[in-house]
Amino acid sequence: MDGMHSACRATDTVAATSWGLRLRCGAVAGAAGGLASVVVLWLMVEPVIGRAILLEEEMHGRHEAGGAHEHGATVTRLQQQIGGTITVLVVGVLLGLAFAVIYARVQHRFSEETDLGRALSLAALAFTVVAAVPSVMVPANPPGIGSSDTVGRRTLIYLLIILVGVLFVGVVFALHRAAVDRGIAPEGRWLLTAAAVAIGALVVFSVPHVEERVPSVIPADLVWDFRVGSLVQTAALWTTMGIVHGVLLHRERERESVSLMARGR
């Protein structure tokens, strides 16, 4: 009887601390993802941004006066780089916390048997919805390239695509759950999911997009390098976050299990 009460108390302790552990794992995973994103930012994206800024100065005939202008600027290029780095790290931690909360709610929806597999599946899904699909519909442009008149509309469409994607994922999960509850065979569930994905893709790609022509004087490789670098940066964030979150959560579960067994004896 005492052993049973000890096990119950241990279970209550684990339940009380589980959210704290989840959020801690999420914050650490987000910080790791942010750090990976920063590495890609400095290796792939920042050099392209520097080229774009120089090209913009040349296009406006301010290349020779650029040094004097930069000294008089309120925010220098170095300050922008440092601020951008800090922002990426902070956003990574915040996304990690959100990832931990969402993972706790939807982990049972994934077929993988390990936390690492489920976390990577959720990270891949998040990358697809938040980055990959919107980047195809609204490709990113380096600073100073593109019309400032379309920034507001591009941003609105980008957010709309993300919203539609999130809603679509929720609908797919709900359909899959309903199919399981009704006893539909796995083959039928896969067909239902595939049909839902096809319909969702049609809806997303029917969203109006902004036609923005890149000036002919802009090298095509500059725009391409920036878009690829931005996508790789986001992929590094989500991939690292998923791996670290899965590994940390697996270790925490093992510790909780060992602690529970020790207290139950």
C-alpha atoms as a PDB file:
ATOM      1  CA  MET A   1       0.000   0.000   0.000  1.00  0.00           C
ATOM      2  CA  ASP A   2       2.796   2.412   0.886  1.00  0.00           C
ATOM      3  CA  GLY A   3       4.436   1.619  -2.422  1.00  0.00           C
ATOM      4  CA  MET A   4       1.210   2.452  -4.252  1.00  0.00           C
ATOM      5  CA  HIS A   5       0.914   5.791  -2.424  1.00  0.00           C
ATOM      6  CA  SER A   6       4.542   6.556  -3.229  1.00  0.00           C
ATOM      7  CA  ALA A   7       3.929   5.833  -6.901  1.00  0.00           C
ATOM      8  CA  CYS A   8       0.872   8.098  -6.873  1.00  0.00           C
ATOM      9  CA  ARG A   9       2.838  10.912  -5.270  1.00  0.00           C
ATOM     10  CA  ALA A  10       5.603  10.450  -7.821  1.00  0.00           C
ATOM     11  CA  THR A  11       3.054  10.579 -10.633  1.00  0.00           C
ATOM     12  CA  ASP A  12       1.587  13.797  -9.221  1.00  0.00           C
ATOM     13  CA  THR A  13       5.062  15.318  -9.001  1.00  0.00           C
ATOM     14  CA  VAL A  14       5.847  14.381 -12.595  1.00  0.00           C
ATOM     15  CA  ALA A  15       2.517  15.806 -13.785  1.00  0.00           C
ATOM     16  CA  ALA A  16       3.112  19.027 -11.853  1.00  0.00           C
ATOM     17  CA  THR A  17       6.550  19.552 -13.352  1.00  0.00           C
ATOM     18  CA  SER A  18       5.880  18.237 -16.857  1.00  0.00           C
ATOM     19  CA  TRP A  19       4.926  21.617 -18.291  1.00  0.00           C
ATOM     20  CA  GLY A  20       7.982  23.212 -16.726  1.00  0.00           C
ATOM     21  CA  LEU A  21      10.154  20.533 -18.272  1.00  0.00           C
ATOM     22  CA  ARG A  22       8.435  20.895 -21.636  1.00  0.00           C
ATOM     23  CA  LEU A  23       8.872  24.658 -21.697  1.00  0.00           C
ATOM     24  CA  ARG A  24      12.494  24.368 -20.631  1.00  0.00           C
ATOM     25  CA  CYS A  25      13.151  21.857 -23.401  1.00  0.00           C
ATOM     26  CA  GLY A  26      11.355  24.156 -25.834  1.00  0.00           C
ATOM     27  CA  ALA A  27      13.380  27.206 -24.807  1.00  0.00           C
ATOM     28  CA  VAL A  28      16.684  25.334 -25.111  1.00  0.00           C
ATOM     29  CA  ALA A  29      15.652  23.833 -28.445  1.00  0.00           C
ATOM     30  CA  GLY A  30      14.572  27.257 -29.691  1.00  0.00           C
ATOM     31  CA  ALA A  31      17.869  28.797 -28.630  1.00  0.00           C
ATOM     32  CA  ALA A  32      19.749  26.018 -30.435  1.00  0.00           C
ATOM     33  CA  GLY A  33      17.620  26.544 -33.521  1.00  0.00           C
ATOM     34  CA  GLY A  34      18.202  30.283 -33.339  1.00  0.00           C
ATOM     35  CA  LEU A  35      21.953  29.717 -33.081  1.00  0.00           C
ATOM     36  CA  ALA A  36      21.915  27.449 -36.135  1.00  0.00           C
ATOM     37  CA  SER A  37      19.879  30.070 -37.964  1.00  0.00           C
ATOM     38  CA  VAL A  38      22.409  32.759 -37.013  1.00  0.00           C
ATOM     39  CA  VAL A  39      25.260  30.655 -38.413  1.00  0.00           C
ATOM     40  CA  VAL A  40      23.474  30.343 -41.756  1.00  0.00           C
ATOM     41  CA  LEU A  41      22.569  34.040 -41.604  1.00  0.00           C
ATOM     42  CA  TRP A  42      26.208  35.080 -41.370  1.00  0.00           C
ATOM     43  CA  LEU A  43      27.506  32.491 -43.835  1.00  0.00           C
ATOM     44  CA  MET A  44      24.881  32.709 -46.579  1.00  0.00           C
ATOM     45  CA  VAL A  45      22.495  35.641 -46.111  1.00  0.00           C
ATOM     46  CA  GLU A  46      24.587  38.523 -44.784  1.00  0.00           C
ATOM     47  CA  PRO A  47      27.094  38.456 -47.680  1.00  0.00           C
ATOM     48  CA  VAL A  48      24.202  38.700 -50.138  1.00  0.00           C
ATOM     49  CA  ILE A  49      22.650  41.564 -48.170  1.00  0.00           C
ATOM     50  CA  GLY A  50      25.986  43.382 -48.311  1.00  0.00           C
ATOM     51  CA  ARG A  51      26.111  42.945 -52.089  1.00  0.00           C
ATOM     52  CA  ALA A  52      22.526  44.179 -52.388  1.00  0.00           C
ATOM     53  CA  ILE A  53      23.266  47.296 -50.325  1.00  0.00           C
ATOM     54  CA  LEU A  54      26.297  48.163 -52.448  1.00  0.00           C
ATOM     55  CA  LEU A  55      24.274  47.640 -55.602  1.00  0.00           C
ATOM     56  CA  GLU A  56      21.492  49.850 -54.271  1.00  0.00           C
ATOM     57  CA  GLU A  57      24.000  52.620 -53.562  1.00  0.00           C
ATOM     58  CA  GLU A  58      25.380  52.329 -57.077  1.00  0.00           C
ATOM     59  CA  MET A  59      21.890  52.456 -58.572  1.00  0.00           C
ATOM     60  CA  HIS A  60      21.147  55.687 -56.723  1.00  0.00           C
ATOM     61  CA  GLY A  61      24.501  57.236 -57.487  1.00  0.00           C
ATOM     62  CA  ARG A  62      25.512  57.340 -53.826  1.00  0.00           C
ATOM     63  CA  HIS A  63      28.392  54.888 -53.847  1.00  0.00           C
ATOM     64  CA  GLU A  64      31.100  57.515 -53.476  1.00  0.00           C
ATOM     65  CA  ALA A  65      29.212  59.317 -50.718  1.00  0.00           C
ATOM     66  CA  GLY A  66      28.392  56.098 -48.922  1.00  0.00           C
ATOM     67  CA  GLY A  67      31.198  56.447 -46.375  1.00  0.00           C
ATOM     68  CA  ALA A  68      30.125  59.905 -45.230  1.00  0.00           C
ATOM     69  CA  HIS A  69      26.504  58.875 -45.172  1.00  0.00           C
ATOM     70  CA  GLU A  70      27.212  55.811 -43.073  1.00  0.00           C
ATOM     71  CA  HIS A  71      29.155  57.821 -40.461  1.00  0.00           C
ATOM     72  CA  GLY A  72      26.227  60.169 -40.102  1.00  0.00           C
ATOM     73  CA  ALA A  73      23.625  57.436 -39.920  1.00  0.00           C
ATOM     74  CA  THR A  74      21.768  56.799 -36.696  1.00  0.00           C
ATOM     75  CA  VAL A  75      22.161  53.032 -37.086  1.00  0.00           C
ATOM     76  CA  THR A  76      25.313  51.643 -38.680  1.00  0.00           C
ATOM     77  CA  ARG A  77      25.512  48.476 -40.731  1.00  0.00           C
ATOM     78  CA  LEU A  78      27.315  46.698 -37.877  1.00  0.00           C
ATOM     79  CA  GLN A  79      24.562  47.671 -35.451  1.00  0.00           C
ATOM     80  CA  GLN A  80      21.987  46.314 -37.892  1.00  0.00           C
ATOM     81  CA  GLN A  81      23.868  43.019 -38.080  1.00  0.00           C
ATOM     82  CA  ILE A  82      24.132  42.729 -34.296  1.00  0.00           C
ATOM     83  CA  GLY A  83      20.472  43.646 -33.889  1.00  0.00           C
ATOM     84  CA  GLY A  84      19.478  41.105 -36.520  1.00  0.00           C
ATOM     85  CA  THR A  85      21.500  38.400 -34.780  1.00  0.00           C
ATOM     86  CA  ILE A  86      19.896  39.111 -31.402  1.00  0.00           C
ATOM     87  CA  THR A  87      16.450  39.187 -33.007  1.00  0.00           C
ATOM     88  CA  VAL A  88      16.968  35.766 -34.592  1.00  0.00           C
ATOM     89  CA  LEU A  89      18.030  34.296 -31.240  1.00  0.00           C
ATOM     90  CA  VAL A  90      15.061  35.809 -29.383  1.00  0.00           C
ATOM     91  CA  VAL A  91      12.617  34.684 -32.067  1.00  0.00           C
ATOM     92  CA  GLY A  92      14.153  31.213 -31.891  1.00  0.00           C
ATOM     93  CA  VAL A  93      13.489  30.971 -28.147  1.00  0.00           C
ATOM     94  CA  LEU A  94       9.907  32.212 -28.568  1.00  0.00           C
ATOM     95  CA  LEU A  95       9.277  29.736 -31.379  1.00  0.00           C
ATOM     96  CA  GLY A  96      10.776  27.005 -29.223  1.00  0.00           C
ATOM     97  CA  LEU A  97       8.305  27.763 -26.431  1.00  0.00           C
ATOM     98  CA  ALA A  98       5.410  27.749 -28.905  1.00  0.00           C
ATOM     99  CA  PHE A  99       6.762  24.522 -30.405  1.00  0.00           C
ATOM    100  CA  ALA A 100       6.797  22.873 -26.964  1.00  0.00           C
ATOM    101  CA  VAL A 101       3.171  23.832 -26.304  1.00  0.00           C
ATOM    102  CA  ILE A 102       1.972  22.679 -29.727  1.00  0.00           C
ATOM    103  CA  TYR A 103       3.973  19.457 -29.482  1.00  0.00           C
ATOM    104  CA  ALA A 104       2.350  18.639 -26.151  1.00  0.00           C
ATOM    105  CA  ARG A 105      -1.079  19.021 -27.754  1.00  0.00           C
ATOM    106  CA  VAL A 106      -0.563  17.196 -31.049  1.00  0.00           C
ATOM    107  CA  GLN A 107       2.202  14.638 -30.451  1.00  0.00           C
ATOM    108  CA  HIS A 108      -0.335  11.813 -30.382  1.00  0.00           C
ATOM    109  CA  ARG A 109      -1.355  12.701 -33.946  1.00  0.00           C
ATOM    110  CA  PHE A 110       1.968  11.504 -35.365  1.00  0.00           C
ATOM    111  CA  SER A 111       2.682   7.853 -36.085  1.00  0.00           C
ATOM    112  CA  GLU A 112       6.339   7.950 -35.026  1.00  0.00           C
ATOM    113  CA  GLU A 113       7.076   6.050 -31.821  1.00  0.00           C
ATOM    114  CA  THR A 114       9.852   8.280 -30.441  1.00  0.00           C
ATOM    115  CA  ASP A 115       9.895  11.900 -29.302  1.00  0.00           C
ATOM    116  CA  LEU A 116      12.678  12.595 -31.789  1.00  0.00           C
ATOM    117  CA  GLY A 117      10.624  11.275 -34.690  1.00  0.00           C
ATOM    118  CA  ARG A 118       7.491  13.137 -33.640  1.00  0.00           C
ATOM    119  CA  ALA A 119       9.395  16.371 -32.995  1.00  0.00           C
ATOM    120  CA  LEU A 120      11.057  16.185 -36.409  1.00  0.00           C
ATOM    121  CA  SER A 121       7.692  15.534 -38.054  1.00  0.00           C
ATOM    122  CA  LEU A 122       6.190  18.578 -36.350  1.00  0.00           C
ATOM    123  CA  ALA A 123       9.236  20.683 -37.264  1.00  0.00           C
ATOM    124  CA  ALA A 124       8.975  19.603 -40.913  1.00  0.00           C
ATOM    125  CA  LEU A 125       5.281  20.434 -40.914  1.00  0.00           C
ATOM    126  CA  ALA A 126       5.937  23.843 -39.364  1.00  0.00           C
ATOM    127  CA  PHE A 127       8.699  24.591 -41.875  1.00  0.00           C
ATOM    128  CA  THR A 128       6.415  23.675 -44.760  1.00  0.00           C
ATOM    129  CA  VAL A 129       3.505  25.796 -43.529  1.00  0.00           C
ATOM    130  CA  VAL A 130       5.444  28.789 -42.194  1.00  0.00           C
ATOM    131  CA  ALA A 131       8.343  29.000 -44.645  1.00  0.00           C
ATOM    132  CA  ALA A 132       8.396  26.730 -47.695  1.00  0.00           C
ATOM    133  CA  VAL A 133       4.920  27.307 -49.138  1.00  0.00           C
ATOM    134  CA  PRO A 134       4.828  31.073 -48.400  1.00  0.00           C
ATOM    135  CA  SER A 135       8.303  31.441 -49.938  1.00  0.00           C
ATOM    136  CA  VAL A 136       7.074  29.869 -53.162  1.00  0.00           C
ATOM    137  CA  MET A 137       4.033  32.139 -53.290  1.00  0.00           C
ATOM    138  CA  VAL A 138       5.774  35.314 -52.087  1.00  0.00           C
ATOM    139  CA  PRO A 139       9.510  34.980 -52.815  1.00  0.00           C
ATOM    140  CA  ALA A 140      11.806  37.023 -50.591  1.00  0.00           C
ATOM    141  CA  ASN A 141      13.838  39.869 -52.075  1.00  0.00           C
ATOM    142  CA  PRO A 142      17.115  41.342 -50.825  1.00  0.00           C
ATOM    143  CA  PRO A 143      16.957  44.794 -49.169  1.00  0.00           C
ATOM    144  CA  GLY A 144      16.462  47.643 -51.604  1.00  0.00           C
ATOM    145  CA  ILE A 145      15.226  45.387 -54.405  1.00  0.00           C
ATOM    146  CA  GLY A 146      11.590  45.549 -55.380  1.00  0.00           C
ATOM    147  CA  SER A 147       8.953  48.225 -55.089  1.00  0.00           C
ATOM    148  CA  SER A 148       8.183  49.655 -51.657  1.00  0.00           C
ATOM    149  CA  ASP A 149       4.578  50.129 -52.797  1.00  0.00           C
ATOM    150  CA  THR A 150       3.988  46.364 -52.736  1.00  0.00           C
ATOM    151  CA  VAL A 151       5.538  45.645 -49.320  1.00  0.00           C
ATOM    152  CA  GLY A 152       2.231  45.929 -47.470  1.00  0.00           C
ATOM    153  CA  ARG A 153       0.369  43.695 -49.898  1.00  0.00           C
ATOM    154  CA  ARG A 154       3.177  41.130 -50.024  1.00  0.00           C
ATOM    155  CA  THR A 155       3.249  40.952 -46.228  1.00  0.00           C
ATOM    156  CA  LEU A 156      -0.537  40.571 -46.043  1.00  0.00           C
ATOM    157  CA  ILE A 157      -0.558  37.763 -48.605  1.00  0.00           C
ATOM    158  CA  TYR A 158       2.358  36.055 -46.841  1.00  0.00           C
ATOM    159  CA  LEU A 159       0.487  36.070 -43.519  1.00  0.00           C
ATOM    160  CA  LEU A 160      -2.723  34.967 -45.245  1.00  0.00           C
ATOM    161  CA  ILE A 161      -0.958  31.945 -46.733  1.00  0.00           C
ATOM    162  CA  ILE A 162       0.410  30.984 -43.311  1.00  0.00           C
ATOM    163  CA  LEU A 163      -3.051  31.338 -41.765  1.00  0.00           C
ATOM    164  CA  VAL A 164      -4.629  29.197 -44.477  1.00  0.00           C
ATOM    165  CA  GLY A 165      -1.883  26.616 -44.016  1.00  0.00           C
ATOM    166  CA  VAL A 166      -2.384  26.428 -40.247  1.00  0.00           C
ATOM    167  CA  LEU A 167      -6.149  26.075 -40.642  1.00  0.00           C
ATOM    168  CA  PHE A 168      -5.643  23.417 -43.294  1.00  0.00           C
ATOM    169  CA  VAL A 169      -3.344  21.388 -41.022  1.00  0.00           C
ATOM    170  CA  GLY A 170      -5.969  21.568 -38.282  1.00  0.00           C
ATOM    171  CA  VAL A 171      -8.633  20.313 -40.685  1.00  0.00           C
ATOM    172  CA  VAL A 172      -6.429  17.417 -41.830  1.00  0.00           C
ATOM    173  CA  PHE A 173      -5.766  16.374 -38.230  1.00  0.00           C
ATOM    174  CA  ALA A 174      -9.497  16.552 -37.468  1.00  0.00           C
ATOM    175  CA  LEU A 175     -10.364  14.474 -40.547  1.00  0.00           C
ATOM    176  CA  HIS A 176      -7.766  11.877 -39.661  1.00  0.00           C
ATOM    177  CA  ARG A 177      -9.084  11.645 -36.115  1.00  0.00           C
ATOM    178  CA  ALA A 178     -12.659  11.310 -37.359  1.00  0.00           C
ATOM    179  CA  ALA A 179     -11.590   8.569 -39.772  1.00  0.00           C
ATOM    180  CA  VAL A 180      -9.908   6.668 -36.945  1.00  0.00           C
ATOM    181  CA  ASP A 181     -12.980   7.004 -34.732  1.00  0.00           C
ATOM    182  CA  ARG A 182     -15.183   5.652 -37.532  1.00  0.00           C
ATOM    183  CA  GLY A 183     -12.935   2.637 -38.000  1.00  0.00           C
ATOM    184  CA  ILE A 184     -11.844   3.501 -41.543  1.00  0.00           C
ATOM    185  CA  ALA A 185      -8.975   1.315 -42.764  1.00  0.00           C
ATOM    186  CA  PRO A 186      -5.464   2.827 -42.990  1.00  0.00           C
ATOM    187  CA  GLU A 187      -5.648   2.837 -46.792  1.00  0.00           C
ATOM    188  CA  GLY A 188      -8.856   4.832 -46.658  1.00  0.00           C
ATOM    189  CA  ARG A 189      -7.315   7.284 -44.198  1.00  0.00           C
ATOM    190  CA  TRP A 190      -4.341   7.816 -46.488  1.00  0.00           C
ATOM    191  CA  LEU A 191      -6.622   8.457 -49.462  1.00  0.00           C
ATOM    192  CA  LEU A 192      -8.688  10.885 -47.403  1.00  0.00           C
ATOM    193  CA  THR A 193      -5.555  12.698 -46.270  1.00  0.00           C
ATOM    194  CA  ALA A 194      -4.180  12.842 -49.825  1.00  0.00           C
ATOM    195  CA  ALA A 195      -7.453  14.302 -51.094  1.00  0.00           C
ATOM    196  CA  ALA A 196      -7.419  16.902 -48.318  1.00  0.00           C
ATOM    197  CA  VAL A 197      -3.814  17.816 -49.143  1.00  0.00           C
ATOM    198  CA  ALA A 198      -4.689  18.244 -52.829  1.00  0.00           C
ATOM    199  CA  ILE A 199      -7.651  20.470 -51.989  1.00  0.00           C
ATOM    200  CA  GLY A 200      -5.552  22.487 -49.558  1.00  0.00           C
ATOM    201  CA  ALA A 201      -2.842  22.979 -52.176  1.00  0.00           C
ATOM    202  CA  LEU A 202      -5.415  24.266 -54.655  1.00  0.00           C
ATOM    203  CA  VAL A 203      -6.747  26.705 -52.067  1.00  0.00           C
ATOM    204  CA  VAL A 204      -3.282  27.988 -51.153  1.00  0.00           C
ATOM    205  CA  PHE A 205      -2.139  28.405 -54.743  1.00  0.00           C
ATOM    206  CA  SER A 206      -5.378  30.190 -55.611  1.00  0.00           C
ATOM    207  CA  VAL A 207      -4.442  33.009 -53.232  1.00  0.00           C
ATOM    208  CA  PRO A 208      -3.639  36.095 -55.358  1.00  0.00           C
ATOM    209  CA  HIS A 209       0.033  36.924 -55.501  1.00  0.00           C
ATOM    210  CA  VAL A 210       1.920  40.111 -56.258  1.00  0.00           C
ATOM    211  CA  GLU A 211       3.659  40.274 -59.608  1.00  0.00           C
ATOM    212  CA  GLU A 212       6.899  42.098 -58.872  1.00  0.00           C
ATOM    213  CA  ARG A 213       9.504  42.316 -61.576  1.00  0.00           C
ATOM    214  CA  VAL A 214      13.115  42.481 -60.498  1.00  0.00           C
ATOM    215  CA  PRO A 215      15.012  45.235 -62.387  1.00  0.00           C
ATOM    216  CA  SER A 216      17.161  43.894 -65.197  1.00  0.00           C
ATOM    217  CA  VAL A 217      20.265  45.526 -63.682  1.00  0.00           C
ATOM    218  CA  ILE A 218      19.950  43.255 -60.643  1.00  0.00           C
ATOM    219  CA  PRO A 219      22.026  40.076 -61.091  1.00  0.00           C
ATOM    220  CA  ALA A 220      19.799  37.025 -61.097  1.00  0.00           C
ATOM    221  CA  ASP A 221      22.277  35.113 -58.943  1.00  0.00           C
ATOM    222  CA  LEU A 222      22.017  37.748 -56.198  1.00  0.00           C
ATOM    223  CA  VAL A 223      18.258  37.336 -55.887  1.00  0.00           C
ATOM    224  CA  TRP A 224      18.538  33.558 -56.149  1.00  0.00           C
ATOM    225  CA  ASP A 225      21.297  33.369 -53.501  1.00  0.00           C
ATOM    226  CA  PHE A 226      19.244  35.491 -51.112  1.00  0.00           C
ATOM    227  CA  ARG A 227      16.112  33.390 -51.524  1.00  0.00           C
ATOM    228  CA  VAL A 228      17.977  30.107 -51.146  1.00  0.00           C
ATOM    229  CA  GLY A 229      19.930  31.434 -48.165  1.00  0.00           C
ATOM    230  CA  SER A 230      16.767  32.658 -46.452  1.00  0.00           C
ATOM    231  CA  LEU A 231      15.085  29.285 -46.962  1.00  0.00           C
ATOM    232  CA  VAL A 232      18.141  27.376 -45.712  1.00  0.00           C
ATOM    233  CA  GLN A 233      18.287  29.674 -42.687  1.00  0.00           C
ATOM    234  CA  THR A 234      14.689  28.874 -41.781  1.00  0.00           C
ATOM    235  CA  ALA A 235      15.223  25.165 -42.446  1.00  0.00           C
ATOM    236  CA  ALA A 236      18.234  25.165 -40.121  1.00  0.00           C
ATOM    237  CA  LEU A 237      16.140  26.759 -37.387  1.00  0.00           C
ATOM    238  CA  TRP A 238      13.275  24.262 -37.569  1.00  0.00           C
ATOM    239  CA  THR A 239      15.463  21.189 -38.112  1.00  0.00           C
ATOM    240  CA  THR A 240      17.758  21.975 -35.202  1.00  0.00           C
ATOM    241  CA  MET A 241      14.808  22.867 -33.008  1.00  0.00           C
ATOM    242  CA  GLY A 242      13.077  19.581 -33.789  1.00  0.00           C
ATOM    243  CA  ILE A 243      16.187  17.479 -33.150  1.00  0.00           C
ATOM    244  CA  VAL A 244      17.149  19.185 -29.887  1.00  0.00           C
ATOM    245  CA  HIS A 245      13.573  19.224 -28.596  1.00  0.00           C
ATOM    246  CA  GLY A 246      13.114  15.529 -29.345  1.00  0.00           C
ATOM    247  CA  VAL A 247      16.420  14.516 -27.750  1.00  0.00           C
ATOM    248  CA  LEU A 248      15.899  16.632 -24.627  1.00  0.00           C
ATOM    249  CA  LEU A 249      12.321  15.484 -24.146  1.00  0.00           C
ATOM    250  CA  HIS A 250      13.363  11.847 -24.546  1.00  0.00           C
ATOM    251  CA  ARG A 251      16.045  12.267 -21.892  1.00  0.00           C
ATOM    252  CA  GLU A 252      13.618  14.004 -19.536  1.00  0.00           C
ATOM    253  CA  ARG A 253      11.058  11.221 -19.986  1.00  0.00           C
ATOM    254  CA  GLU A 254      13.685   8.607 -19.167  1.00  0.00           C
ATOM    255  CA  ARG A 255      14.667  10.489 -16.024  1.00  0.00           C
ATOM    256  CA  GLU A 256      11.027  10.805 -14.966  1.00  0.00           C
ATOM    257  CA  SER A 257      10.487   7.098 -15.588  1.00  0.00           C
ATOM    258  CA  VAL A 258      13.532   6.105 -13.525  1.00  0.00           C
ATOM    259  CA  SER A 259      12.503   8.487 -10.743  1.00  0.00           C
ATOM    260  CA  LEU A 260       8.953   7.113 -10.763  1.00  0.00           C
ATOM    261  CA  MET A 261      10.170   3.531 -10.543  1.00  0.00           C
ATOM    262  CA  ALA A 262      12.602   4.371  -7.738  1.00  0.00           C
ATOM    263  CA  ARG A 263       9.931   6.102  -5.665  1.00  0.00           C
ATOM    264  CA  GLY A 264       7.429   3.317  -6.257  1.00  0.00           C
ATOM    265  CA  ARG A 265       9.662   0.691  -4.711  1.00  0.00           C
END
